[in-house]
Amino acid sequence: MSNVRTRVRNNILWIILDSPPHNALNVLLLNQLAASLQKAVLQAPKLVVLSSTGEDAFCSGFELPPDGPALQELHEAAHTVDVVFTKLHQHGIPSVALIKGCTYGPGCELASLCDTLIARNDASFRMPAENARLFPSASTQRLPALLGPQGFEDLMRHGDTIDATTALDRGLVHQVLPFAHFLQESEELLVMLSIVGLTS
């Protein structure tokens, strides 16, 4: 069973995390995500969109079943995803994270690997604890670049959960859309971004 689904519309590649209810990261999901991103590098769509199923969470962290792979394998799988996102940037293929619900820890890291973050107004965010970081460039480059080094350190140290409006004010997300019109307005925005491009 796949934890990641893909579809193409108007030369926009949608990559959808499909492991409800929380879309928590595990080795299988990360490997499938890396494979989907690698296809994007080869196919060069106008835009890559990372989204999720369900209403409650974009991605609320990671899971390690007691009889499952070791933490090291999870880190290795996340590193591969990180590397392929870098390839997307190098090939000039823009990426957008569409965020709704909880986006916590490594989920927040994952969203930050995209060039543009668009949140529904009910989204909430929490930085990864130092011992829960998975994606190397997220906590060393992407999140500090969005929030500012001090802003990132403050949120990480205090473990605060912030809402979408606060995330917009602090620079974590680039746009917040209303709950009632999220699908319609986000798709209109994505079509526009696929035409005019965007800058990371």
C-alpha atoms as a PDB file:
ATOM      1  CA  MET A   1       0.000   0.000   0.000  1.00  0.00           C
ATOM      2  CA  SER A   2       1.379   3.366  -0.976  1.00  0.00           C
ATOM      3  CA  ASN A   3       1.662   6.146   1.585  1.00  0.00           C
ATOM      4  CA  VAL A   4       2.366   8.674  -1.173  1.00  0.00           C
ATOM      5  CA  ARG A   5       0.133   9.368  -4.168  1.00  0.00           C
ATOM      6  CA  THR A   6       0.935  11.450  -7.232  1.00  0.00           C
ATOM      7  CA  ARG A   7      -1.088  13.064  -9.985  1.00  0.00           C
ATOM      8  CA  VAL A   8      -0.346  15.498 -12.787  1.00  0.00           C
ATOM      9  CA  ARG A   9      -2.659  18.304 -13.845  1.00  0.00           C
ATOM     10  CA  ASN A  10      -1.708  21.183 -16.159  1.00  0.00           C
ATOM     11  CA  ASN A  11       1.921  20.052 -15.927  1.00  0.00           C
ATOM     12  CA  ILE A  12       1.780  20.509 -12.157  1.00  0.00           C
ATOM     13  CA  LEU A  13       2.932  17.422 -10.250  1.00  0.00           C
ATOM     14  CA  TRP A  14       1.029  16.827  -7.024  1.00  0.00           C
ATOM     15  CA  ILE A  15       2.729  14.660  -4.403  1.00  0.00           C
ATOM     16  CA  ILE A  16       0.239  13.760  -1.690  1.00  0.00           C
ATOM     17  CA  LEU A  17       1.132  12.297   1.711  1.00  0.00           C
ATOM     18  CA  ASP A  18      -1.529   9.652   2.294  1.00  0.00           C
ATOM     19  CA  SER A  19      -1.048   8.127   5.728  1.00  0.00           C
ATOM     20  CA  PRO A  20      -3.995   9.432   7.760  1.00  0.00           C
ATOM     21  CA  PRO A  21      -4.865  10.621  10.260  1.00  0.00           C
ATOM     22  CA  HIS A  22      -1.561  12.391  10.950  1.00  0.00           C
ATOM     23  CA  ASN A  23       0.592  11.596   7.895  1.00  0.00           C
ATOM     24  CA  ALA A  24       3.425  10.769  10.265  1.00  0.00           C
ATOM     25  CA  LEU A  25       6.746  10.047   8.589  1.00  0.00           C
ATOM     26  CA  ASN A  26       8.188   6.558   8.488  1.00  0.00           C
ATOM     27  CA  VAL A  27      10.812   4.820   6.368  1.00  0.00           C
ATOM     28  CA  LEU A  28       8.304   3.521   3.813  1.00  0.00           C
ATOM     29  CA  LEU A  29       6.652   6.907   3.315  1.00  0.00           C
ATOM     30  CA  LEU A  30       9.994   8.700   3.038  1.00  0.00           C
ATOM     31  CA  ASN A  31      11.307   6.213   0.474  1.00  0.00           C
ATOM     32  CA  GLN A  32       8.144   6.622  -1.592  1.00  0.00           C
ATOM     33  CA  LEU A  33       8.391  10.399  -1.299  1.00  0.00           C
ATOM     34  CA  ALA A  34      12.017  10.357  -2.457  1.00  0.00           C
ATOM     35  CA  ALA A  35      11.068   8.216  -5.466  1.00  0.00           C
ATOM     36  CA  SER A  36       8.262  10.616  -6.415  1.00  0.00           C
ATOM     37  CA  LEU A  37      10.556  13.616  -6.104  1.00  0.00           C
ATOM     38  CA  GLN A  38      13.217  11.888  -8.197  1.00  0.00           C
ATOM     39  CA  LYS A  39      10.639  11.383 -10.959  1.00  0.00           C
ATOM     40  CA  ALA A  40       9.945  15.113 -10.781  1.00  0.00           C
ATOM     41  CA  VAL A  41      13.636  15.834 -11.339  1.00  0.00           C
ATOM     42  CA  LEU A  42      13.544  13.675 -14.470  1.00  0.00           C
ATOM     43  CA  GLN A  43      10.167  14.842 -15.802  1.00  0.00           C
ATOM     44  CA  ALA A  44      10.683  18.551 -15.024  1.00  0.00           C
ATOM     45  CA  PRO A  45       7.088  19.673 -14.413  1.00  0.00           C
ATOM     46  CA  LYS A  46       6.305  23.385 -14.185  1.00  0.00           C
ATOM     47  CA  LEU A  47       5.657  23.019 -10.465  1.00  0.00           C
ATOM     48  CA  VAL A  48       5.767  20.395  -7.710  1.00  0.00           C
ATOM     49  CA  VAL A  49       3.078  20.607  -5.029  1.00  0.00           C
ATOM     50  CA  LEU A  50       3.459  18.743  -1.733  1.00  0.00           C
ATOM     51  CA  SER A  51       0.155  18.249   0.079  1.00  0.00           C
ATOM     52  CA  SER A  52      -1.598  15.715   2.297  1.00  0.00           C
ATOM     53  CA  THR A  53      -4.839  13.820   2.767  1.00  0.00           C
ATOM     54  CA  GLY A  54      -7.174  14.409   5.677  1.00  0.00           C
ATOM     55  CA  GLU A  55      -8.122  17.610   7.418  1.00  0.00           C
ATOM     56  CA  ASP A  56      -6.237  17.338  10.703  1.00  0.00           C
ATOM     57  CA  ALA A  57      -2.575  17.289   9.740  1.00  0.00           C
ATOM     58  CA  PHE A  58      -0.109  18.066   6.984  1.00  0.00           C
ATOM     59  CA  CYS A  59       2.436  15.981   8.881  1.00  0.00           C
ATOM     60  CA  SER A  60       2.563  15.717  12.650  1.00  0.00           C
ATOM     61  CA  GLY A  61       5.992  14.141  13.118  1.00  0.00           C
ATOM     62  CA  PHE A  62       7.376  10.638  12.705  1.00  0.00           C
ATOM     63  CA  GLU A  63       6.609   7.151  13.910  1.00  0.00           C
ATOM     64  CA  LEU A  64       8.876   4.275  14.866  1.00  0.00           C
ATOM     65  CA  PRO A  65       6.996   1.007  15.477  1.00  0.00           C
ATOM     66  CA  PRO A  66       8.645  -1.141  18.182  1.00  0.00           C
ATOM     67  CA  ASP A  67       9.341  -3.881  15.648  1.00  0.00           C
ATOM     68  CA  GLY A  68      10.124  -1.469  12.819  1.00  0.00           C
ATOM     69  CA  PRO A  69      13.319  -0.055  11.333  1.00  0.00           C
ATOM     70  CA  ALA A  70      15.848   1.648  13.538  1.00  0.00           C
ATOM     71  CA  LEU A  71      16.069   5.402  13.907  1.00  0.00           C
ATOM     72  CA  GLN A  72      19.190   5.392  11.751  1.00  0.00           C
ATOM     73  CA  GLU A  73      17.178   4.081   8.803  1.00  0.00           C
ATOM     74  CA  LEU A  74      14.642   6.859   9.290  1.00  0.00           C
ATOM     75  CA  HIS A  75      17.430   9.448   9.209  1.00  0.00           C
ATOM     76  CA  GLU A  76      18.912   7.892   6.074  1.00  0.00           C
ATOM     77  CA  ALA A  77      15.546   7.944   4.299  1.00  0.00           C
ATOM     78  CA  ALA A  78      14.982  11.570   5.317  1.00  0.00           C
ATOM     79  CA  HIS A  79      18.457  12.498   4.095  1.00  0.00           C
ATOM     80  CA  THR A  80      17.609  11.053   0.683  1.00  0.00           C
ATOM     81  CA  VAL A  81      14.468  13.210   0.516  1.00  0.00           C
ATOM     82  CA  ASP A  82      16.559  16.234   1.489  1.00  0.00           C
ATOM     83  CA  VAL A  83      19.067  15.503  -1.288  1.00  0.00           C
ATOM     84  CA  VAL A  84      16.359  15.150  -3.942  1.00  0.00           C
ATOM     85  CA  PHE A  85      14.773  18.452  -2.894  1.00  0.00           C
ATOM     86  CA  THR A  86      18.199  20.016  -3.441  1.00  0.00           C
ATOM     87  CA  LYS A  87      18.210  18.524  -6.950  1.00  0.00           C
ATOM     88  CA  LEU A  88      14.822  20.117  -7.612  1.00  0.00           C
ATOM     89  CA  HIS A  89      16.257  23.505  -6.631  1.00  0.00           C
ATOM     90  CA  GLN A  90      19.335  22.941  -8.781  1.00  0.00           C
ATOM     91  CA  HIS A  91      17.169  22.062 -11.798  1.00  0.00           C
ATOM     92  CA  GLY A  92      15.047  25.165 -11.314  1.00  0.00           C
ATOM     93  CA  ILE A  93      11.865  23.193 -10.590  1.00  0.00           C
ATOM     94  CA  PRO A  94       9.816  25.213  -8.083  1.00  0.00           C
ATOM     95  CA  SER A  95       7.986  23.539  -5.221  1.00  0.00           C
ATOM     96  CA  VAL A  96       5.065  24.519  -3.015  1.00  0.00           C
ATOM     97  CA  ALA A  97       3.835  23.039   0.264  1.00  0.00           C
ATOM     98  CA  LEU A  98       0.060  23.233   0.795  1.00  0.00           C
ATOM     99  CA  ILE A  99      -0.433  23.025   4.539  1.00  0.00           C
ATOM    100  CA  LYS A 100      -3.524  22.342   6.612  1.00  0.00           C
ATOM    101  CA  GLY A 101      -3.835  21.218  10.199  1.00  0.00           C
ATOM    102  CA  CYS A 102      -0.905  20.216  12.398  1.00  0.00           C
ATOM    103  CA  THR A 103       2.600  20.629  11.011  1.00  0.00           C
ATOM    104  CA  TYR A 104       4.883  19.574  13.824  1.00  0.00           C
ATOM    105  CA  GLY A 105       8.553  18.736  14.218  1.00  0.00           C
ATOM    106  CA  PRO A 106       9.906  16.924  11.158  1.00  0.00           C
ATOM    107  CA  GLY A 107       6.664  17.798   9.369  1.00  0.00           C
ATOM    108  CA  CYS A 108       7.598  21.448   9.705  1.00  0.00           C
ATOM    109  CA  GLU A 109      11.075  20.613   8.440  1.00  0.00           C
ATOM    110  CA  LEU A 110       9.626  18.810   5.431  1.00  0.00           C
ATOM    111  CA  ALA A 111       7.381  21.734   4.488  1.00  0.00           C
ATOM    112  CA  SER A 112      10.330  24.128   4.703  1.00  0.00           C
ATOM    113  CA  LEU A 113      12.189  22.193   2.001  1.00  0.00           C
ATOM    114  CA  CYS A 114       9.684  23.621  -0.491  1.00  0.00           C
ATOM    115  CA  ASP A 115      10.273  27.046  -2.033  1.00  0.00           C
ATOM    116  CA  THR A 116       6.874  28.417  -1.041  1.00  0.00           C
ATOM    117  CA  LEU A 117       4.646  27.525   1.913  1.00  0.00           C
ATOM    118  CA  ILE A 118       0.906  28.199   1.644  1.00  0.00           C
ATOM    119  CA  ALA A 119      -1.163  27.507   4.754  1.00  0.00           C
ATOM    120  CA  ARG A 120      -4.849  27.150   5.462  1.00  0.00           C
ATOM    121  CA  ASN A 121      -5.888  29.456   8.275  1.00  0.00           C
ATOM    122  CA  ASP A 122      -6.388  26.556  10.704  1.00  0.00           C
ATOM    123  CA  ALA A 123      -2.810  25.299  10.313  1.00  0.00           C
ATOM    124  CA  SER A 124      -0.485  25.166  13.306  1.00  0.00           C
ATOM    125  CA  PHE A 125       3.273  24.800  13.468  1.00  0.00           C
ATOM    126  CA  ARG A 126       5.878  23.582  15.942  1.00  0.00           C
ATOM    127  CA  MET A 127       9.634  23.419  15.407  1.00  0.00           C
ATOM    128  CA  PRO A 128      11.427  20.091  15.823  1.00  0.00           C
ATOM    129  CA  ALA A 129      13.103  19.367  19.121  1.00  0.00           C
ATOM    130  CA  GLU A 130      16.863  19.116  18.752  1.00  0.00           C
ATOM    131  CA  ASN A 131      16.751  15.326  19.094  1.00  0.00           C
ATOM    132  CA  ALA A 132      13.874  15.003  16.593  1.00  0.00           C
ATOM    133  CA  ARG A 133      15.422  16.657  13.556  1.00  0.00           C
ATOM    134  CA  LEU A 134      15.357  14.512  10.426  1.00  0.00           C
ATOM    135  CA  PHE A 135      16.156  16.684   7.408  1.00  0.00           C
ATOM    136  CA  PRO A 136      19.707  18.108   7.547  1.00  0.00           C
ATOM    137  CA  SER A 137      19.202  21.258   5.484  1.00  0.00           C
ATOM    138  CA  ALA A 138      15.858  22.161   7.063  1.00  0.00           C
ATOM    139  CA  SER A 139      17.134  23.051  10.522  1.00  0.00           C
ATOM    140  CA  THR A 140      20.532  24.328   9.376  1.00  0.00           C
ATOM    141  CA  GLN A 141      19.419  26.389   6.363  1.00  0.00           C
ATOM    142  CA  ARG A 142      15.743  26.497   5.381  1.00  0.00           C
ATOM    143  CA  LEU A 143      13.997  27.246   8.680  1.00  0.00           C
ATOM    144  CA  PRO A 144      16.607  29.788   9.872  1.00  0.00           C
ATOM    145  CA  ALA A 145      16.343  31.498   6.464  1.00  0.00           C
ATOM    146  CA  LEU A 146      12.560  31.764   6.776  1.00  0.00           C
ATOM    147  CA  LEU A 147      12.346  32.741  10.442  1.00  0.00           C
ATOM    148  CA  GLY A 148      15.734  34.330  10.947  1.00  0.00           C
ATOM    149  CA  PRO A 149      18.341  32.463  13.016  1.00  0.00           C
ATOM    150  CA  GLN A 150      17.168  33.948  16.312  1.00  0.00           C
ATOM    151  CA  GLY A 151      13.501  33.419  15.537  1.00  0.00           C
ATOM    152  CA  PHE A 152      14.132  29.781  14.718  1.00  0.00           C
ATOM    153  CA  GLU A 153      16.207  29.219  17.856  1.00  0.00           C
ATOM    154  CA  ASP A 154      13.548  30.849  20.054  1.00  0.00           C
ATOM    155  CA  LEU A 155      10.723  28.726  18.650  1.00  0.00           C
ATOM    156  CA  MET A 156      12.780  25.553  18.854  1.00  0.00           C
ATOM    157  CA  ARG A 157      14.016  26.211  22.393  1.00  0.00           C
ATOM    158  CA  HIS A 158      10.594  27.056  23.837  1.00  0.00           C
ATOM    159  CA  GLY A 159       8.655  24.443  21.866  1.00  0.00           C
ATOM    160  CA  ASP A 160       5.880  26.915  21.115  1.00  0.00           C
ATOM    161  CA  THR A 161       3.018  26.020  18.808  1.00  0.00           C
ATOM    162  CA  ILE A 162       2.088  28.926  16.547  1.00  0.00           C
ATOM    163  CA  ASP A 163      -0.982  29.449  14.392  1.00  0.00           C
ATOM    164  CA  ALA A 164      -1.037  30.286  10.696  1.00  0.00           C
ATOM    165  CA  THR A 165      -1.334  34.042  11.201  1.00  0.00           C
ATOM    166  CA  THR A 166       1.670  34.083  13.521  1.00  0.00           C
ATOM    167  CA  ALA A 167       3.594  31.889  11.080  1.00  0.00           C
ATOM    168  CA  LEU A 168       2.864  34.421   8.333  1.00  0.00           C
ATOM    169  CA  ASP A 169       3.927  37.341  10.530  1.00  0.00           C
ATOM    170  CA  ARG A 170       7.201  35.602  11.399  1.00  0.00           C
ATOM    171  CA  GLY A 171       7.988  34.613   7.823  1.00  0.00           C
ATOM    172  CA  LEU A 172       7.544  30.862   8.156  1.00  0.00           C
ATOM    173  CA  VAL A 173       4.789  30.756   5.521  1.00  0.00           C
ATOM    174  CA  HIS A 174       4.310  32.965   2.497  1.00  0.00           C
ATOM    175  CA  GLN A 175       0.518  33.083   2.344  1.00  0.00           C
ATOM    176  CA  VAL A 176      -2.509  32.114   4.435  1.00  0.00           C
ATOM    177  CA  LEU A 177      -5.790  31.216   2.744  1.00  0.00           C
ATOM    178  CA  PRO A 178      -9.257  30.919   4.319  1.00  0.00           C
ATOM    179  CA  PHE A 179     -10.607  27.515   5.310  1.00  0.00           C
ATOM    180  CA  ALA A 180     -13.806  27.865   3.273  1.00  0.00           C
ATOM    181  CA  HIS A 181     -12.066  28.620  -0.018  1.00  0.00           C
ATOM    182  CA  PHE A 182      -8.730  26.882   0.487  1.00  0.00           C
ATOM    183  CA  LEU A 183      -8.993  24.396  -2.369  1.00  0.00           C
ATOM    184  CA  GLN A 184     -10.274  26.889  -4.922  1.00  0.00           C
ATOM    185  CA  GLU A 185      -7.901  29.718  -4.014  1.00  0.00           C
ATOM    186  CA  SER A 186      -4.851  27.479  -3.673  1.00  0.00           C
ATOM    187  CA  GLU A 187      -5.425  25.885  -7.090  1.00  0.00           C
ATOM    188  CA  GLU A 188      -5.834  29.318  -8.691  1.00  0.00           C
ATOM    189  CA  LEU A 189      -2.622  30.448  -7.024  1.00  0.00           C
ATOM    190  CA  LEU A 190      -0.757  27.324  -8.114  1.00  0.00           C
ATOM    191  CA  VAL A 191      -1.751  27.818 -11.744  1.00  0.00           C
ATOM    192  CA  MET A 192      -0.484  31.386 -11.545  1.00  0.00           C
ATOM    193  CA  LEU A 193       2.795  30.274  -9.952  1.00  0.00           C
ATOM    194  CA  SER A 194       3.285  27.611 -12.603  1.00  0.00           C
ATOM    195  CA  ILE A 195       2.992  30.305 -15.273  1.00  0.00           C
ATOM    196  CA  VAL A 196       5.074  33.100 -13.773  1.00  0.00           C
ATOM    197  CA  GLY A 197       7.434  30.945 -11.698  1.00  0.00           C
ATOM    198  CA  LEU A 198       8.642  31.722  -8.194  1.00  0.00           C
ATOM    199  CA  THR A 199      11.844  32.567  -6.432  1.00  0.00           C
ATOM    200  CA  SER A 200      13.226  30.479  -3.580  1.00  0.00           C
END
